[in-house]
Amino acid sequence: MLDAACGAIPHREYLAFSDNYETRICVDFSIRALSEARAKLGNRGLYLLGDITRLPLADSSVDAVISLHTIYHVPQPEQTTAVDELVRVTRSGGRVVIVYVWAYSLAMDAIFKLRGWLGFVRRLGRPPPVAGAAGGAAAKGVPSLYFRPQDHDWFAHDVAARHSARLKVWSAVSKAFQTRFVSDGLIGRLTIAAVKLFENVLPGVAGRIGQYPMFIIDKP
């Protein structure tokens, strides 16, 4: 199994993705990330320094591919090339799973607009807050990671049309949604249950209007 842009395999649960494979091929352009991945996988992994748009692997050389939260960090003109490379190295009958993020989520936009409107209604009639000094020091500027997500049109034209990809869901909700709407109490648990029900019953719809879609490509 190829883990394209594996990083340091940041979550323990991610290790289980390769349980049914003899070898997990980790490709990344960071030596440090590959070293950290090797500390977790050991001899079950093969570690290659490489570029996802020019994978150092032969055609049809792996059984399956995962690419988690990676493609939208690739320069936008090369994102289609990155997907093509993942398919190229997959054998006939193999599968490619890509986790992406939409540039715009209809569901998240609607929820936050509703939240803002309800907040405006609650504030009507209240006295304006007293202006005060901002608390805390400003965060030091640090270079941001390149981030250029695209929309469903790109998926339809450059991924689905080229590779017969299916649309599923990784997570319908954004991190901002989780921070603002999911608490430790009963309401938070009910919110998560409702989200999971939506994702499980309508995975294609959740992937289309939610925040984090999952592209499934079964290579003929």
N, C-alpha and C. Protein backbone atom coordinates (compact mmCIF):
# COMPACT_ATOMS: atom_id res chain seq x y z
N MET A 1 0.83 -1.19 0.00
CA MET A 1 0.00 0.00 0.00
C MET A 1 0.87 1.25 0.00
N LEU A 2 0.55 2.17 -0.91
CA LEU A 2 1.28 3.43 -0.96
C LEU A 2 0.58 4.47 -0.10
N ASP A 3 1.33 5.10 0.79
CA ASP A 3 0.84 6.23 1.57
C ASP A 3 1.54 7.46 1.00
N ALA A 4 0.84 8.17 0.11
CA ALA A 4 1.44 9.28 -0.62
C ALA A 4 1.41 10.54 0.23
N ALA A 5 2.59 11.12 0.47
CA ALA A 5 2.75 12.25 1.39
C ALA A 5 2.31 11.82 2.78
N CYS A 6 2.97 10.80 3.26
CA CYS A 6 2.58 10.15 4.53
C CYS A 6 2.75 11.05 5.73
N GLY A 7 3.68 12.01 5.64
CA GLY A 7 4.00 12.79 6.83
C GLY A 7 4.57 11.87 7.91
N ALA A 8 4.31 12.25 9.13
CA ALA A 8 4.80 11.44 10.26
C ALA A 8 3.78 10.40 10.70
N ILE A 9 2.77 10.14 9.84
CA ILE A 9 1.62 9.30 10.22
C ILE A 9 1.09 9.81 11.56
N PRO A 10 0.47 10.97 11.56
CA PRO A 10 0.24 11.72 12.79
C PRO A 10 -0.73 11.11 13.78
N HIS A 11 -1.63 10.23 13.32
CA HIS A 11 -2.63 9.67 14.23
C HIS A 11 -2.45 8.16 14.34
N ARG A 12 -2.56 7.66 15.53
CA ARG A 12 -2.37 6.22 15.78
C ARG A 12 -3.32 5.38 14.92
N GLU A 13 -4.55 5.89 14.73
CA GLU A 13 -5.54 5.14 13.95
C GLU A 13 -5.10 4.95 12.50
N TYR A 14 -4.27 5.86 11.99
CA TYR A 14 -3.82 5.75 10.60
C TYR A 14 -2.92 4.53 10.38
N LEU A 15 -2.29 4.05 11.44
CA LEU A 15 -1.41 2.89 11.29
C LEU A 15 -2.19 1.65 10.84
N ALA A 16 -3.45 1.57 11.25
CA ALA A 16 -4.26 0.39 10.93
C ALA A 16 -4.63 0.29 9.46
N PHE A 17 -4.48 1.38 8.71
CA PHE A 17 -4.87 1.36 7.31
C PHE A 17 -4.08 0.33 6.50
N SER A 18 -2.86 0.03 6.95
CA SER A 18 -2.02 -0.92 6.19
C SER A 18 -1.94 -2.28 6.86
N ASP A 19 -2.84 -2.58 7.78
CA ASP A 19 -2.78 -3.87 8.49
C ASP A 19 -2.88 -5.07 7.55
N ASN A 20 -3.62 -4.94 6.46
CA ASN A 20 -3.83 -6.07 5.55
C ASN A 20 -2.87 -6.09 4.37
N TYR A 21 -1.80 -5.29 4.49
CA TYR A 21 -0.81 -5.23 3.41
C TYR A 21 0.56 -5.63 3.94
N GLU A 22 1.35 -6.23 3.08
CA GLU A 22 2.68 -6.68 3.49
C GLU A 22 3.59 -5.50 3.78
N THR A 23 3.50 -4.47 2.94
CA THR A 23 4.40 -3.33 3.07
C THR A 23 3.62 -2.04 2.87
N ARG A 24 3.96 -1.04 3.67
CA ARG A 24 3.40 0.31 3.49
C ARG A 24 4.52 1.18 2.93
N ILE A 25 4.35 1.62 1.69
CA ILE A 25 5.35 2.46 1.05
C ILE A 25 5.05 3.92 1.40
N CYS A 26 5.92 4.53 2.16
CA CYS A 26 5.73 5.91 2.59
C CYS A 26 6.54 6.83 1.70
N VAL A 27 5.87 7.73 1.02
CA VAL A 27 6.54 8.72 0.18
C VAL A 27 6.27 10.11 0.75
N ASP A 28 7.32 10.88 0.92
CA ASP A 28 7.17 12.26 1.38
C ASP A 28 8.40 13.04 0.93
N PHE A 29 8.30 14.37 0.91
CA PHE A 29 9.49 15.16 0.54
C PHE A 29 10.18 15.72 1.78
N SER A 30 9.82 15.19 2.95
CA SER A 30 10.45 15.61 4.20
C SER A 30 11.19 14.44 4.83
N ILE A 31 12.50 14.58 4.98
CA ILE A 31 13.30 13.55 5.65
C ILE A 31 12.82 13.34 7.08
N ARG A 32 12.53 14.43 7.75
CA ARG A 32 12.08 14.33 9.15
C ARG A 32 10.77 13.54 9.25
N ALA A 33 9.83 13.82 8.34
CA ALA A 33 8.57 13.09 8.35
C ALA A 33 8.78 11.61 8.13
N LEU A 34 9.64 11.26 7.17
CA LEU A 34 9.91 9.85 6.91
C LEU A 34 10.59 9.17 8.09
N SER A 35 11.47 9.89 8.78
CA SER A 35 12.12 9.33 9.97
C SER A 35 11.10 9.04 11.07
N GLU A 36 10.16 9.96 11.25
CA GLU A 36 9.13 9.76 12.27
C GLU A 36 8.17 8.63 11.88
N ALA A 37 7.88 8.53 10.59
CA ALA A 37 7.04 7.42 10.13
C ALA A 37 7.74 6.08 10.36
N ARG A 38 9.05 6.06 10.09
CA ARG A 38 9.81 4.82 10.29
C ARG A 38 9.84 4.41 11.75
N ALA A 39 9.88 5.38 12.65
CA ALA A 39 9.88 5.07 14.08
C ALA A 39 8.59 4.37 14.49
N LYS A 40 7.51 4.60 13.75
CA LYS A 40 6.22 4.00 14.07
C LYS A 40 5.98 2.69 13.32
N LEU A 41 6.47 2.60 12.09
CA LEU A 41 6.21 1.41 11.27
C LEU A 41 7.35 0.39 11.29
N GLY A 42 8.56 0.87 11.43
CA GLY A 42 9.71 -0.03 11.44
C GLY A 42 9.89 -0.75 10.13
N ASN A 43 10.16 -2.05 10.20
CA ASN A 43 10.45 -2.84 9.00
C ASN A 43 9.23 -3.12 8.13
N ARG A 44 8.05 -2.75 8.59
CA ARG A 44 6.85 -2.95 7.78
C ARG A 44 6.71 -1.85 6.73
N GLY A 45 7.60 -0.85 6.78
CA GLY A 45 7.50 0.24 5.83
C GLY A 45 8.68 0.30 4.88
N LEU A 46 8.45 0.96 3.75
CA LEU A 46 9.50 1.30 2.79
C LEU A 46 9.43 2.81 2.64
N TYR A 47 10.56 3.51 2.77
CA TYR A 47 10.54 4.96 2.91
C TYR A 47 11.27 5.63 1.75
N LEU A 48 10.53 6.45 0.99
CA LEU A 48 11.07 7.05 -0.22
C LEU A 48 10.91 8.56 -0.17
N LEU A 49 11.99 9.26 -0.42
CA LEU A 49 11.94 10.71 -0.55
C LEU A 49 11.46 11.02 -1.96
N GLY A 50 10.35 11.72 -2.10
CA GLY A 50 9.83 11.93 -3.44
C GLY A 50 8.74 12.98 -3.50
N ASP A 51 8.33 13.28 -4.73
CA ASP A 51 7.35 14.30 -5.05
C ASP A 51 6.08 13.61 -5.53
N ILE A 52 4.93 13.98 -4.98
CA ILE A 52 3.68 13.31 -5.33
C ILE A 52 3.29 13.55 -6.79
N THR A 53 3.83 14.59 -7.41
CA THR A 53 3.53 14.82 -8.82
C THR A 53 4.49 14.08 -9.75
N ARG A 54 5.50 13.43 -9.17
CA ARG A 54 6.47 12.63 -9.95
C ARG A 54 6.90 11.45 -9.08
N LEU A 55 6.00 10.57 -8.82
CA LEU A 55 6.26 9.48 -7.87
C LEU A 55 7.39 8.58 -8.36
N PRO A 56 8.34 8.23 -7.49
CA PRO A 56 9.46 7.37 -7.88
C PRO A 56 9.08 5.89 -7.86
N LEU A 57 8.00 5.56 -8.53
CA LEU A 57 7.49 4.19 -8.57
C LEU A 57 7.08 3.84 -10.00
N ALA A 58 7.18 2.56 -10.32
CA ALA A 58 6.82 2.09 -11.65
C ALA A 58 5.31 2.06 -11.83
N ASP A 59 4.87 2.03 -13.07
CA ASP A 59 3.45 1.87 -13.36
C ASP A 59 2.93 0.59 -12.73
N SER A 60 1.70 0.64 -12.22
CA SER A 60 1.00 -0.56 -11.73
C SER A 60 1.82 -1.35 -10.72
N SER A 61 2.49 -0.65 -9.82
CA SER A 61 3.40 -1.33 -8.89
C SER A 61 2.86 -1.50 -7.47
N VAL A 62 1.69 -0.91 -7.16
CA VAL A 62 1.14 -1.06 -5.81
C VAL A 62 -0.31 -1.53 -5.90
N ASP A 63 -0.75 -2.13 -4.81
CA ASP A 63 -2.12 -2.66 -4.77
C ASP A 63 -3.16 -1.61 -4.39
N ALA A 64 -2.78 -0.65 -3.57
CA ALA A 64 -3.72 0.37 -3.12
C ALA A 64 -2.96 1.63 -2.75
N VAL A 65 -3.68 2.75 -2.75
CA VAL A 65 -3.07 4.06 -2.45
C VAL A 65 -3.99 4.84 -1.52
N ILE A 66 -3.37 5.49 -0.53
CA ILE A 66 -4.10 6.50 0.23
C ILE A 66 -3.33 7.82 0.12
N SER A 67 -4.08 8.91 0.05
CA SER A 67 -3.49 10.24 0.07
C SER A 67 -4.40 11.10 0.94
N LEU A 68 -3.97 11.36 2.16
CA LEU A 68 -4.83 12.01 3.14
C LEU A 68 -4.42 13.47 3.35
N HIS A 69 -5.34 14.38 3.03
CA HIS A 69 -5.12 15.81 3.29
C HIS A 69 -3.81 16.31 2.66
N THR A 70 -3.59 15.94 1.42
CA THR A 70 -2.34 16.25 0.74
C THR A 70 -2.53 17.05 -0.54
N ILE A 71 -3.46 16.60 -1.39
CA ILE A 71 -3.57 17.16 -2.74
C ILE A 71 -3.83 18.65 -2.72
N TYR A 72 -4.59 19.14 -1.74
CA TYR A 72 -4.88 20.58 -1.72
C TYR A 72 -3.70 21.43 -1.26
N HIS A 73 -2.61 20.79 -0.85
CA HIS A 73 -1.38 21.52 -0.56
C HIS A 73 -0.42 21.52 -1.75
N VAL A 74 -0.78 20.82 -2.81
CA VAL A 74 0.02 20.80 -4.04
C VAL A 74 -0.34 22.06 -4.84
N PRO A 75 0.63 22.68 -5.52
CA PRO A 75 0.30 23.83 -6.37
C PRO A 75 -0.92 23.53 -7.24
N GLN A 76 -1.86 24.45 -7.25
CA GLN A 76 -3.15 24.16 -7.88
C GLN A 76 -3.06 23.65 -9.31
N PRO A 77 -2.19 24.21 -10.17
CA PRO A 77 -2.12 23.68 -11.54
C PRO A 77 -1.62 22.24 -11.61
N GLU A 78 -0.99 21.73 -10.53
CA GLU A 78 -0.43 20.38 -10.55
C GLU A 78 -1.28 19.37 -9.77
N GLN A 79 -2.41 19.79 -9.24
CA GLN A 79 -3.21 18.86 -8.45
C GLN A 79 -3.77 17.72 -9.28
N THR A 80 -4.19 18.01 -10.50
CA THR A 80 -4.67 16.95 -11.39
C THR A 80 -3.54 15.97 -11.72
N THR A 81 -2.34 16.50 -11.92
CA THR A 81 -1.18 15.63 -12.18
C THR A 81 -0.92 14.71 -11.00
N ALA A 82 -1.07 15.23 -9.79
CA ALA A 82 -0.86 14.40 -8.60
C ALA A 82 -1.84 13.25 -8.57
N VAL A 83 -3.11 13.52 -8.87
CA VAL A 83 -4.11 12.45 -8.91
C VAL A 83 -3.76 11.44 -9.99
N ASP A 84 -3.36 11.92 -11.16
CA ASP A 84 -2.97 11.02 -12.26
C ASP A 84 -1.82 10.11 -11.84
N GLU A 85 -0.87 10.64 -11.08
CA GLU A 85 0.27 9.84 -10.63
C GLU A 85 -0.18 8.73 -9.67
N LEU A 86 -1.10 9.05 -8.78
CA LEU A 86 -1.59 8.02 -7.85
C LEU A 86 -2.26 6.88 -8.60
N VAL A 87 -3.00 7.22 -9.65
CA VAL A 87 -3.67 6.19 -10.45
C VAL A 87 -2.64 5.41 -11.27
N ARG A 88 -1.65 6.10 -11.79
CA ARG A 88 -0.64 5.45 -12.64
C ARG A 88 0.07 4.32 -11.92
N VAL A 89 0.42 4.51 -10.66
CA VAL A 89 1.22 3.50 -9.95
C VAL A 89 0.36 2.38 -9.38
N THR A 90 -0.96 2.50 -9.48
CA THR A 90 -1.87 1.48 -8.94
C THR A 90 -2.13 0.40 -9.98
N ARG A 91 -2.10 -0.82 -9.53
CA ARG A 91 -2.32 -1.94 -10.44
C ARG A 91 -3.78 -1.99 -10.87
N SER A 92 -4.05 -2.73 -11.95
CA SER A 92 -5.41 -2.96 -12.40
C SER A 92 -6.18 -3.70 -11.31
N GLY A 93 -7.35 -3.21 -10.98
CA GLY A 93 -8.13 -3.81 -9.90
C GLY A 93 -7.85 -3.21 -8.54
N GLY A 94 -6.86 -2.31 -8.46
CA GLY A 94 -6.52 -1.67 -7.20
C GLY A 94 -7.38 -0.44 -6.93
N ARG A 95 -7.18 0.14 -5.77
CA ARG A 95 -8.02 1.26 -5.34
C ARG A 95 -7.17 2.42 -4.86
N VAL A 96 -7.63 3.64 -5.17
CA VAL A 96 -7.02 4.88 -4.70
C VAL A 96 -8.06 5.61 -3.84
N VAL A 97 -7.65 6.02 -2.66
CA VAL A 97 -8.52 6.79 -1.76
C VAL A 97 -7.84 8.12 -1.47
N ILE A 98 -8.53 9.20 -1.80
CA ILE A 98 -8.00 10.55 -1.62
C ILE A 98 -8.93 11.33 -0.70
N VAL A 99 -8.38 11.89 0.37
CA VAL A 99 -9.15 12.79 1.23
C VAL A 99 -8.79 14.22 0.86
N TYR A 100 -9.81 15.00 0.57
CA TYR A 100 -9.63 16.36 0.08
C TYR A 100 -10.42 17.32 0.97
N VAL A 101 -10.36 18.61 0.68
CA VAL A 101 -11.21 19.60 1.34
C VAL A 101 -11.73 20.54 0.26
N TRP A 102 -13.01 20.86 0.33
CA TRP A 102 -13.56 21.79 -0.64
C TRP A 102 -13.18 23.22 -0.31
N ALA A 103 -13.01 24.02 -1.35
CA ALA A 103 -12.79 25.44 -1.14
C ALA A 103 -14.03 26.09 -0.53
N TYR A 104 -15.20 25.48 -0.79
CA TYR A 104 -16.46 26.03 -0.29
C TYR A 104 -17.38 24.87 0.06
N SER A 105 -17.94 24.89 1.27
CA SER A 105 -18.88 23.87 1.70
C SER A 105 -20.25 24.50 1.87
N LEU A 106 -21.20 24.02 1.09
CA LEU A 106 -22.56 24.55 1.16
C LEU A 106 -23.16 24.36 2.56
N ALA A 107 -22.93 23.18 3.15
CA ALA A 107 -23.50 22.89 4.46
C ALA A 107 -22.89 23.78 5.54
N MET A 108 -21.54 23.90 5.54
CA MET A 108 -20.89 24.71 6.57
C MET A 108 -21.23 26.18 6.41
N ASP A 109 -21.31 26.65 5.15
CA ASP A 109 -21.64 28.05 4.92
C ASP A 109 -23.04 28.36 5.44
N ALA A 110 -24.00 27.46 5.16
CA ALA A 110 -25.37 27.68 5.60
C ALA A 110 -25.47 27.69 7.12
N ILE A 111 -24.77 26.76 7.77
CA ILE A 111 -24.84 26.67 9.23
C ILE A 111 -24.26 27.91 9.89
N PHE A 112 -23.12 28.37 9.41
CA PHE A 112 -22.49 29.54 10.03
C PHE A 112 -23.24 30.83 9.71
N LYS A 113 -23.88 30.91 8.55
CA LYS A 113 -24.72 32.06 8.26
C LYS A 113 -25.93 32.09 9.18
N LEU A 114 -26.54 30.92 9.41
CA LEU A 114 -27.67 30.83 10.33
C LEU A 114 -27.24 31.20 11.74
N ARG A 115 -26.09 30.70 12.15
CA ARG A 115 -25.59 31.03 13.48
C ARG A 115 -25.36 32.54 13.63
N GLY A 116 -24.80 33.16 12.60
CA GLY A 116 -24.57 34.59 12.65
C GLY A 116 -25.87 35.37 12.70
N TRP A 117 -26.89 34.92 11.94
CA TRP A 117 -28.17 35.61 11.92
C TRP A 117 -28.85 35.48 13.28
N LEU A 118 -28.80 34.28 13.87
CA LEU A 118 -29.41 34.10 15.19
C LEU A 118 -28.69 34.94 16.25
N GLY A 119 -27.37 35.06 16.12
CA GLY A 119 -26.63 35.89 17.05
C GLY A 119 -27.01 37.35 16.92
N PHE A 120 -27.24 37.78 15.66
CA PHE A 120 -27.66 39.16 15.45
C PHE A 120 -29.01 39.42 16.10
N VAL A 121 -29.94 38.46 15.95
CA VAL A 121 -31.27 38.62 16.54
C VAL A 121 -31.18 38.69 18.06
N ARG A 122 -30.34 37.86 18.65
CA ARG A 122 -30.21 37.87 20.12
C ARG A 122 -29.61 39.18 20.62
N ARG A 123 -28.78 39.81 19.80
CA ARG A 123 -28.12 41.04 20.24
C ARG A 123 -29.00 42.28 20.10
N LEU A 124 -30.12 42.16 19.38
CA LEU A 124 -31.00 43.31 19.20
C LEU A 124 -31.53 43.79 20.55
N GLY A 125 -31.46 45.07 20.78
CA GLY A 125 -31.97 45.62 22.03
C GLY A 125 -30.97 45.63 23.17
N ARG A 126 -29.83 44.94 22.98
CA ARG A 126 -28.80 44.97 24.01
C ARG A 126 -27.92 46.20 23.84
N PRO A 127 -27.40 46.74 24.95
CA PRO A 127 -26.46 47.86 24.82
C PRO A 127 -25.17 47.40 24.15
N PRO A 128 -24.53 48.26 23.40
CA PRO A 128 -23.27 47.87 22.74
C PRO A 128 -22.20 47.58 23.77
N PRO A 129 -21.29 46.64 23.50
CA PRO A 129 -20.23 46.31 24.46
C PRO A 129 -19.27 47.48 24.64
N VAL A 130 -18.71 47.57 25.83
CA VAL A 130 -17.74 48.63 26.12
C VAL A 130 -16.42 48.28 25.46
N ALA A 131 -15.88 49.23 24.72
CA ALA A 131 -14.61 48.99 24.03
C ALA A 131 -13.50 48.88 25.06
N GLY A 132 -12.57 47.97 24.83
CA GLY A 132 -11.46 47.80 25.74
C GLY A 132 -10.23 47.36 24.99
N ALA A 133 -9.14 47.27 25.71
CA ALA A 133 -7.89 46.86 25.08
C ALA A 133 -7.95 45.39 24.71
N ALA A 134 -7.39 45.06 23.60
CA ALA A 134 -7.34 43.66 23.19
C ALA A 134 -6.43 42.90 24.12
N GLY A 135 -6.88 41.70 24.50
CA GLY A 135 -6.06 40.91 25.42
C GLY A 135 -5.04 40.07 24.68
N GLY A 136 -3.87 39.95 25.28
CA GLY A 136 -2.86 39.08 24.71
C GLY A 136 -2.04 39.76 23.64
N ALA A 137 -0.88 39.24 23.43
CA ALA A 137 0.00 39.81 22.40
C ALA A 137 -0.33 39.19 21.06
N ALA A 138 -0.05 39.90 20.01
CA ALA A 138 -0.29 39.39 18.66
C ALA A 138 0.65 38.22 18.38
N ALA A 139 0.11 37.25 17.69
CA ALA A 139 0.92 36.07 17.36
C ALA A 139 2.02 36.45 16.39
N LYS A 140 3.16 35.87 16.59
CA LYS A 140 4.28 36.12 15.68
C LYS A 140 3.96 35.52 14.32
N GLY A 141 4.34 36.25 13.28
CA GLY A 141 4.08 35.76 11.93
C GLY A 141 4.96 34.57 11.60
N VAL A 142 4.34 33.53 11.07
CA VAL A 142 5.08 32.35 10.64
C VAL A 142 4.65 32.03 9.22
N PRO A 143 5.53 31.45 8.43
CA PRO A 143 5.13 31.09 7.07
C PRO A 143 3.99 30.09 7.09
N SER A 144 2.98 30.32 6.28
CA SER A 144 1.84 29.41 6.23
C SER A 144 2.06 28.34 5.17
N LEU A 145 1.47 27.19 5.40
CA LEU A 145 1.56 26.09 4.45
C LEU A 145 0.70 26.41 3.23
N TYR A 146 1.23 26.19 2.04
CA TYR A 146 0.47 26.44 0.81
C TYR A 146 -0.83 25.65 0.85
N PHE A 147 -1.94 26.34 0.55
CA PHE A 147 -3.26 25.74 0.70
C PHE A 147 -4.15 26.28 -0.40
N ARG A 148 -4.46 25.44 -1.41
CA ARG A 148 -5.29 25.89 -2.52
C ARG A 148 -6.34 24.83 -2.87
N PRO A 149 -7.35 24.67 -2.02
CA PRO A 149 -8.40 23.71 -2.35
C PRO A 149 -9.23 24.18 -3.53
N GLN A 150 -9.80 23.25 -4.25
CA GLN A 150 -10.65 23.56 -5.39
C GLN A 150 -12.08 23.14 -5.09
N ASP A 151 -12.96 23.31 -6.09
CA ASP A 151 -14.37 23.05 -5.86
C ASP A 151 -14.82 21.77 -6.56
N HIS A 152 -16.11 21.51 -6.50
CA HIS A 152 -16.65 20.27 -7.06
C HIS A 152 -16.49 20.22 -8.57
N ASP A 153 -16.49 21.37 -9.24
CA ASP A 153 -16.31 21.38 -10.69
C ASP A 153 -14.97 20.77 -11.08
N TRP A 154 -13.92 21.10 -10.31
CA TRP A 154 -12.61 20.50 -10.58
C TRP A 154 -12.69 18.98 -10.42
N PHE A 155 -13.31 18.51 -9.35
CA PHE A 155 -13.45 17.07 -9.14
C PHE A 155 -14.19 16.43 -10.31
N ALA A 156 -15.30 17.03 -10.71
CA ALA A 156 -16.12 16.46 -11.77
C ALA A 156 -15.36 16.38 -13.10
N HIS A 157 -14.63 17.45 -13.43
CA HIS A 157 -13.98 17.52 -14.75
C HIS A 157 -12.61 16.85 -14.79
N ASP A 158 -11.83 16.98 -13.70
CA ASP A 158 -10.44 16.52 -13.73
C ASP A 158 -10.18 15.22 -12.97
N VAL A 159 -11.12 14.81 -12.14
CA VAL A 159 -10.92 13.58 -11.38
C VAL A 159 -11.95 12.53 -11.77
N ALA A 160 -13.23 12.85 -11.59
CA ALA A 160 -14.28 11.87 -11.90
C ALA A 160 -14.32 11.52 -13.39
N ALA A 161 -14.22 12.54 -14.24
CA ALA A 161 -14.30 12.29 -15.68
C ALA A 161 -13.10 11.52 -16.19
N ARG A 162 -11.93 11.73 -15.61
CA ARG A 162 -10.70 11.08 -16.07
C ARG A 162 -10.55 9.68 -15.51
N HIS A 163 -11.04 9.47 -14.29
CA HIS A 163 -10.75 8.20 -13.60
C HIS A 163 -11.98 7.51 -13.03
N SER A 164 -13.17 7.93 -13.44
CA SER A 164 -14.42 7.33 -12.94
C SER A 164 -14.47 7.29 -11.41
N ALA A 165 -14.08 8.39 -10.81
CA ALA A 165 -14.03 8.46 -9.34
C ALA A 165 -15.43 8.60 -8.76
N ARG A 166 -15.61 8.00 -7.59
CA ARG A 166 -16.85 8.14 -6.82
C ARG A 166 -16.61 9.09 -5.66
N LEU A 167 -17.65 9.79 -5.27
CA LEU A 167 -17.55 10.77 -4.19
C LEU A 167 -18.18 10.20 -2.92
N LYS A 168 -17.39 10.14 -1.85
CA LYS A 168 -17.87 9.74 -0.53
C LYS A 168 -17.51 10.86 0.44
N VAL A 169 -17.57 10.58 1.74
CA VAL A 169 -17.30 11.62 2.71
C VAL A 169 -16.27 11.14 3.73
N TRP A 170 -15.33 12.00 4.04
CA TRP A 170 -14.38 11.77 5.13
C TRP A 170 -14.92 12.42 6.40
N SER A 171 -15.30 13.68 6.30
CA SER A 171 -15.95 14.38 7.40
C SER A 171 -16.82 15.49 6.81
N ALA A 172 -18.09 15.48 7.16
CA ALA A 172 -19.00 16.50 6.63
C ALA A 172 -18.78 17.85 7.26
N VAL A 173 -18.17 17.87 8.45
CA VAL A 173 -18.05 19.12 9.20
C VAL A 173 -16.60 19.59 9.27
N SER A 174 -16.44 20.88 9.42
CA SER A 174 -15.11 21.49 9.50
C SER A 174 -14.61 21.52 10.94
N LYS A 175 -13.35 21.88 11.12
CA LYS A 175 -12.80 22.04 12.46
C LYS A 175 -13.50 23.18 13.20
N ALA A 176 -13.84 24.23 12.46
CA ALA A 176 -14.54 25.36 13.09
C ALA A 176 -15.90 24.92 13.62
N PHE A 177 -16.59 24.06 12.88
CA PHE A 177 -17.87 23.53 13.35
C PHE A 177 -17.69 22.74 14.64
N GLN A 178 -16.69 21.87 14.65
CA GLN A 178 -16.45 21.06 15.85
C GLN A 178 -16.14 21.95 17.06
N THR A 179 -15.36 22.99 16.84
CA THR A 179 -14.98 23.87 17.94
C THR A 179 -16.19 24.61 18.52
N ARG A 180 -17.08 25.05 17.64
CA ARG A 180 -18.17 25.93 18.08
C ARG A 180 -19.46 25.20 18.42
N PHE A 181 -19.66 23.99 17.90
CA PHE A 181 -20.94 23.33 18.09
C PHE A 181 -20.86 22.01 18.87
N VAL A 182 -19.67 21.48 19.06
CA VAL A 182 -19.54 20.19 19.74
C VAL A 182 -18.94 20.39 21.12
N SER A 183 -19.74 20.14 22.14
CA SER A 183 -19.30 20.28 23.52
C SER A 183 -19.18 18.89 24.15
N ASP A 184 -18.79 18.86 25.41
CA ASP A 184 -18.63 17.58 26.11
C ASP A 184 -19.95 17.05 26.65
N GLY A 185 -21.00 17.84 26.60
CA GLY A 185 -22.27 17.44 27.19
C GLY A 185 -23.18 16.69 26.23
N LEU A 186 -24.43 16.57 26.64
CA LEU A 186 -25.42 15.83 25.86
C LEU A 186 -25.64 16.45 24.49
N ILE A 187 -25.71 17.79 24.43
CA ILE A 187 -25.94 18.45 23.15
C ILE A 187 -24.82 18.13 22.17
N GLY A 188 -23.58 18.12 22.67
CA GLY A 188 -22.45 17.79 21.81
C GLY A 188 -22.54 16.37 21.28
N ARG A 189 -22.91 15.43 22.14
CA ARG A 189 -23.04 14.02 21.72
C ARG A 189 -24.16 13.85 20.69
N LEU A 190 -25.26 14.56 20.91
CA LEU A 190 -26.37 14.49 19.96
C LEU A 190 -25.98 15.10 18.61
N THR A 191 -25.19 16.17 18.66
CA THR A 191 -24.73 16.80 17.42
C THR A 191 -23.86 15.84 16.62
N ILE A 192 -22.92 15.20 17.30
CA ILE A 192 -22.05 14.23 16.62
C ILE A 192 -22.86 13.07 16.07
N ALA A 193 -23.84 12.59 16.82
CA ALA A 193 -24.68 11.49 16.36
C ALA A 193 -25.45 11.88 15.10
N ALA A 194 -25.96 13.11 15.07
CA ALA A 194 -26.69 13.58 13.89
C ALA A 194 -25.78 13.67 12.67
N VAL A 195 -24.56 14.17 12.88
CA VAL A 195 -23.59 14.26 11.78
C VAL A 195 -23.26 12.87 11.26
N LYS A 196 -22.99 11.93 12.16
CA LYS A 196 -22.64 10.57 11.75
C LYS A 196 -23.79 9.90 11.00
N LEU A 197 -25.01 10.15 11.44
CA LEU A 197 -26.17 9.58 10.75
C LEU A 197 -26.25 10.12 9.33
N PHE A 198 -26.06 11.42 9.18
CA PHE A 198 -26.06 12.03 7.85
C PHE A 198 -24.98 11.44 6.96
N GLU A 199 -23.77 11.29 7.51
CA GLU A 199 -22.65 10.75 6.73
C GLU A 199 -22.89 9.31 6.32
N ASN A 200 -23.47 8.50 7.21
CA ASN A 200 -23.66 7.08 6.93
C ASN A 200 -24.83 6.81 5.99
N VAL A 201 -25.90 7.61 6.11
CA VAL A 201 -27.08 7.38 5.28
C VAL A 201 -26.91 7.98 3.89
N LEU A 202 -26.27 9.14 3.81
CA LEU A 202 -26.09 9.83 2.53
C LEU A 202 -24.63 10.22 2.33
N PRO A 203 -23.74 9.24 2.18
CA PRO A 203 -22.31 9.57 2.09
C PRO A 203 -21.95 10.41 0.87
N GLY A 204 -22.65 10.19 -0.25
CA GLY A 204 -22.37 10.98 -1.44
C GLY A 204 -22.79 12.43 -1.28
N VAL A 205 -23.96 12.63 -0.71
CA VAL A 205 -24.45 13.99 -0.47
C VAL A 205 -23.57 14.70 0.55
N ALA A 206 -23.23 13.98 1.63
CA ALA A 206 -22.36 14.56 2.65
C ALA A 206 -21.01 14.95 2.07
N GLY A 207 -20.49 14.13 1.17
CA GLY A 207 -19.23 14.46 0.52
C GLY A 207 -19.35 15.65 -0.41
N ARG A 208 -20.53 15.81 -1.01
CA ARG A 208 -20.73 16.92 -1.97
C ARG A 208 -20.90 18.26 -1.27
N ILE A 209 -21.70 18.31 -0.20
CA ILE A 209 -22.00 19.60 0.43
C ILE A 209 -21.25 19.81 1.74
N GLY A 210 -20.59 18.75 2.25
CA GLY A 210 -19.83 18.88 3.48
C GLY A 210 -18.46 19.47 3.24
N GLN A 211 -17.57 19.35 4.24
CA GLN A 211 -16.27 20.02 4.16
C GLN A 211 -15.17 19.14 3.58
N TYR A 212 -15.09 17.87 4.02
CA TYR A 212 -13.99 16.99 3.62
C TYR A 212 -14.52 15.81 2.82
N PRO A 213 -14.44 15.87 1.49
CA PRO A 213 -14.87 14.75 0.66
C PRO A 213 -13.78 13.67 0.59
N MET A 214 -14.21 12.51 0.11
CA MET A 214 -13.28 11.41 -0.12
C MET A 214 -13.52 10.91 -1.54
N PHE A 215 -12.45 10.89 -2.34
CA PHE A 215 -12.55 10.41 -3.71
C PHE A 215 -12.12 8.94 -3.74
N ILE A 216 -12.96 8.09 -4.31
CA ILE A 216 -12.67 6.66 -4.44
C ILE A 216 -12.47 6.34 -5.91
N ILE A 217 -11.30 5.86 -6.26
CA ILE A 217 -11.01 5.48 -7.64
C ILE A 217 -10.66 4.01 -7.68
N ASP A 218 -11.48 3.21 -8.35
CA ASP A 218 -11.20 1.79 -8.58
C ASP A 218 -10.64 1.64 -9.98
N LYS A 219 -9.36 1.29 -10.09
CA LYS A 219 -8.72 1.25 -11.38
C LYS A 219 -9.19 0.01 -12.15
N PRO A 220 -9.66 0.19 -13.39
CA PRO A 220 -10.15 -0.96 -14.16
C PRO A 220 -9.06 -2.00 -14.39
